[in-house]
Amino acid sequence: MHLPRCLLIPLALAATGWVGLAQAKLPAPPLSDEQKAAAEVAKAKAAHQAKVDAYLTCKAAERAAANYFRNHPQATKPTDAPACNDPGPFVPPAAGGAPASTPAATAPAPAKKS
């Protein structure tokens, strides 16, 4: 039995649609306390890595700006450029669920020496 192409294509599309409905997403299983803690640590590590990446980008921008101003002495240097803040080493979150507050995280960054 041969079906004409004008019927075969809509039939194939309908069949794939029904297959897609049959593969609905199942709810995630409940997480244990260890899995929740591991997810929290992974989330904190990712946030810290984002801060480290921003710091490294800032330092690279400072080097590029210093090179530009060294090669173009007539250019005016901005006076309101923000300083790069080193995020420091990674500190895992506290077991209570709140992030650990360290004095190094709240202290201002040391002044840059020229």
C-alpha atoms as a PDB file:
ATOM      1  CA  MET A   1       0.000   0.000   0.000  1.00  0.00           C
ATOM      2  CA  HIS A   2       1.481   3.288  -1.053  1.00  0.00           C
ATOM      3  CA  LEU A   3       0.246   6.517   0.437  1.00  0.00           C
ATOM      4  CA  PRO A   4       0.532   9.712  -1.558  1.00  0.00           C
ATOM      5  CA  ARG A   5       3.166  12.132  -0.301  1.00  0.00           C
ATOM      6  CA  CYS A   6       0.556  14.748   0.519  1.00  0.00           C
ATOM      7  CA  LEU A   7      -0.785  12.354   3.192  1.00  0.00           C
ATOM      8  CA  LEU A   8       2.517  10.840   4.291  1.00  0.00           C
ATOM      9  CA  ILE A   9       4.152  14.065   5.508  1.00  0.00           C
ATOM     10  CA  PRO A  10       1.255  15.218   7.763  1.00  0.00           C
ATOM     11  CA  LEU A  11       0.920  11.663   9.091  1.00  0.00           C
ATOM     12  CA  ALA A  12       4.631  11.576   9.989  1.00  0.00           C
ATOM     13  CA  LEU A  13       4.423  14.982  11.671  1.00  0.00           C
ATOM     14  CA  ALA A  14       1.410  13.913  13.704  1.00  0.00           C
ATOM     15  CA  ALA A  15       3.178  10.734  14.813  1.00  0.00           C
ATOM     16  CA  THR A  16       6.225  12.669  16.017  1.00  0.00           C
ATOM     17  CA  GLY A  17       3.953  15.015  17.922  1.00  0.00           C
ATOM     18  CA  TRP A  18       2.375  12.139  19.810  1.00  0.00           C
ATOM     19  CA  VAL A  19       5.782  10.696  20.618  1.00  0.00           C
ATOM     20  CA  GLY A  20       6.834  14.075  22.021  1.00  0.00           C
ATOM     21  CA  LEU A  21       3.787  14.139  24.286  1.00  0.00           C
ATOM     22  CA  ALA A  22       4.537  10.654  25.539  1.00  0.00           C
ATOM     23  CA  GLN A  23       8.022  11.738  26.619  1.00  0.00           C
ATOM     24  CA  ALA A  24       6.875  14.356  29.111  1.00  0.00           C
ATOM     25  CA  LYS A  25       9.383  15.498  31.693  1.00  0.00           C
ATOM     26  CA  LEU A  26       9.154  13.672  34.986  1.00  0.00           C
ATOM     27  CA  PRO A  27       9.485  15.606  38.243  1.00  0.00           C
ATOM     28  CA  ALA A  28      12.909  15.595  39.867  1.00  0.00           C
ATOM     29  CA  PRO A  29      13.314  13.160  42.757  1.00  0.00           C
ATOM     30  CA  PRO A  30      13.639  14.752  46.201  1.00  0.00           C
ATOM     31  CA  LEU A  31      17.232  15.549  47.138  1.00  0.00           C
ATOM     32  CA  SER A  32      18.917  14.241  50.264  1.00  0.00           C
ATOM     33  CA  ASP A  33      20.622  16.607  52.688  1.00  0.00           C
ATOM     34  CA  GLU A  34      24.049  15.636  51.327  1.00  0.00           C
ATOM     35  CA  GLN A  35      22.941  16.356  47.768  1.00  0.00           C
ATOM     36  CA  LYS A  36      21.488  19.717  48.833  1.00  0.00           C
ATOM     37  CA  ALA A  37      24.753  20.616  50.579  1.00  0.00           C
ATOM     38  CA  ALA A  38      26.796  19.545  47.541  1.00  0.00           C
ATOM     39  CA  ALA A  39      24.561  21.636  45.263  1.00  0.00           C
ATOM     40  CA  GLU A  40      24.967  24.633  47.560  1.00  0.00           C
ATOM     41  CA  VAL A  41      28.759  24.269  47.542  1.00  0.00           C
ATOM     42  CA  ALA A  42      28.757  23.929  43.747  1.00  0.00           C
ATOM     43  CA  LYS A  43      26.617  27.064  43.460  1.00  0.00           C
ATOM     44  CA  ALA A  44      28.979  28.969  45.778  1.00  0.00           C
ATOM     45  CA  LYS A  45      32.012  27.773  43.778  1.00  0.00           C
ATOM     46  CA  ALA A  46      30.413  28.946  40.536  1.00  0.00           C
ATOM     47  CA  ALA A  47      29.633  32.360  42.059  1.00  0.00           C
ATOM     48  CA  HIS A  48      33.197  32.669  43.367  1.00  0.00           C
ATOM     49  CA  GLN A  49      34.627  31.663  39.994  1.00  0.00           C
ATOM     50  CA  ALA A  50      32.533  34.391  38.372  1.00  0.00           C
ATOM     51  CA  LYS A  51      34.060  36.908  40.796  1.00  0.00           C
ATOM     52  CA  VAL A  52      37.568  35.612  40.047  1.00  0.00           C
ATOM     53  CA  ASP A  53      36.912  35.874  36.301  1.00  0.00           C
ATOM     54  CA  ALA A  54      35.664  39.455  36.730  1.00  0.00           C
ATOM     55  CA  TYR A  55      38.772  40.303  38.765  1.00  0.00           C
ATOM     56  CA  LEU A  56      41.105  38.831  36.135  1.00  0.00           C
ATOM     57  CA  THR A  57      39.249  40.714  33.397  1.00  0.00           C
ATOM     58  CA  CYS A  58      39.587  43.933  35.394  1.00  0.00           C
ATOM     59  CA  LYS A  59      43.327  43.384  35.864  1.00  0.00           C
ATOM     60  CA  ALA A  60      43.748  42.731  32.133  1.00  0.00           C
ATOM     61  CA  ALA A  61      41.817  45.928  31.359  1.00  0.00           C
ATOM     62  CA  GLU A  62      44.099  47.851  33.736  1.00  0.00           C
ATOM     63  CA  ARG A  63      47.181  46.476  31.956  1.00  0.00           C
ATOM     64  CA  ALA A  64      45.711  47.393  28.565  1.00  0.00           C
ATOM     65  CA  ALA A  65      44.865  50.904  29.772  1.00  0.00           C
ATOM     66  CA  ALA A  66      48.352  51.346  31.250  1.00  0.00           C
ATOM     67  CA  ASN A  67      49.870  50.286  27.924  1.00  0.00           C
ATOM     68  CA  TYR A  68      47.599  52.698  26.034  1.00  0.00           C
ATOM     69  CA  PHE A  69      48.447  55.648  28.278  1.00  0.00           C
ATOM     70  CA  ARG A  70      52.151  54.784  28.116  1.00  0.00           C
ATOM     71  CA  ASN A  71      52.011  54.857  24.291  1.00  0.00           C
ATOM     72  CA  HIS A  72      49.698  57.889  24.078  1.00  0.00           C
ATOM     73  CA  PRO A  73      50.977  60.456  26.585  1.00  0.00           C
ATOM     74  CA  GLN A  74      48.617  63.143  25.247  1.00  0.00           C
ATOM     75  CA  ALA A  75      45.551  61.094  26.312  1.00  0.00           C
ATOM     76  CA  THR A  76      43.856  62.101  29.553  1.00  0.00           C
ATOM     77  CA  LYS A  77      43.613  59.423  32.200  1.00  0.00           C
ATOM     78  CA  PRO A  78      40.210  58.866  33.827  1.00  0.00           C
ATOM     79  CA  THR A  79      40.115  59.772  37.504  1.00  0.00           C
ATOM     80  CA  ASP A  80      37.018  57.809  38.437  1.00  0.00           C
ATOM     81  CA  ALA A  81      38.125  54.352  37.302  1.00  0.00           C
ATOM     82  CA  PRO A  82      36.986  51.680  39.793  1.00  0.00           C
ATOM     83  CA  ALA A  83      39.614  49.571  41.499  1.00  0.00           C
ATOM     84  CA  CYS A  84      39.806  45.830  40.941  1.00  0.00           C
ATOM     85  CA  ASN A  85      38.698  43.889  44.020  1.00  0.00           C
ATOM     86  CA  ASP A  86      40.416  40.550  44.609  1.00  0.00           C
ATOM     87  CA  PRO A  87      37.762  38.056  45.769  1.00  0.00           C
ATOM     88  CA  GLY A  88      40.329  36.065  47.737  1.00  0.00           C
ATOM     89  CA  PRO A  89      40.347  32.290  48.152  1.00  0.00           C
ATOM     90  CA  PHE A  90      37.153  30.248  47.997  1.00  0.00           C
ATOM     91  CA  VAL A  91      35.439  29.751  51.339  1.00  0.00           C
ATOM     92  CA  PRO A  92      32.724  27.070  51.332  1.00  0.00           C
ATOM     93  CA  PRO A  93      29.347  28.153  52.720  1.00  0.00           C
ATOM     94  CA  ALA A  94      28.499  27.475  56.349  1.00  0.00           C
ATOM     95  CA  ALA A  95      26.590  24.320  57.221  1.00  0.00           C
ATOM     96  CA  GLY A  96      23.582  26.381  58.388  1.00  0.00           C
ATOM     97  CA  GLY A  97      22.794  27.468  54.851  1.00  0.00           C
ATOM     98  CA  ALA A  98      23.920  31.086  55.127  1.00  0.00           C
ATOM     99  CA  PRO A  99      27.134  32.059  53.356  1.00  0.00           C
ATOM    100  CA  ALA A 100      30.133  32.428  55.622  1.00  0.00           C
ATOM    101  CA  SER A 101      30.975  36.040  56.391  1.00  0.00           C
ATOM    102  CA  THR A 102      34.710  36.518  56.583  1.00  0.00           C
ATOM    103  CA  PRO A 103      36.525  39.712  57.548  1.00  0.00           C
ATOM    104  CA  ALA A 104      38.529  39.502  54.303  1.00  0.00           C
ATOM    105  CA  ALA A 105      35.333  39.580  52.263  1.00  0.00           C
ATOM    106  CA  THR A 106      34.023  42.721  53.999  1.00  0.00           C
ATOM    107  CA  ALA A 107      37.318  44.580  54.270  1.00  0.00           C
ATOM    108  CA  PRO A 108      38.124  47.138  51.573  1.00  0.00           C
ATOM    109  CA  ALA A 109      40.744  46.256  49.013  1.00  0.00           C
ATOM    110  CA  PRO A 110      44.253  47.563  49.727  1.00  0.00           C
ATOM    111  CA  ALA A 111      45.341  50.664  47.850  1.00  0.00           C
ATOM    112  CA  LYS A 112      47.218  50.033  44.616  1.00  0.00           C
ATOM    113  CA  LYS A 113      50.850  51.067  44.684  1.00  0.00           C
ATOM    114  CA  SER A 114      52.156  52.807  41.606  1.00  0.00           C
END
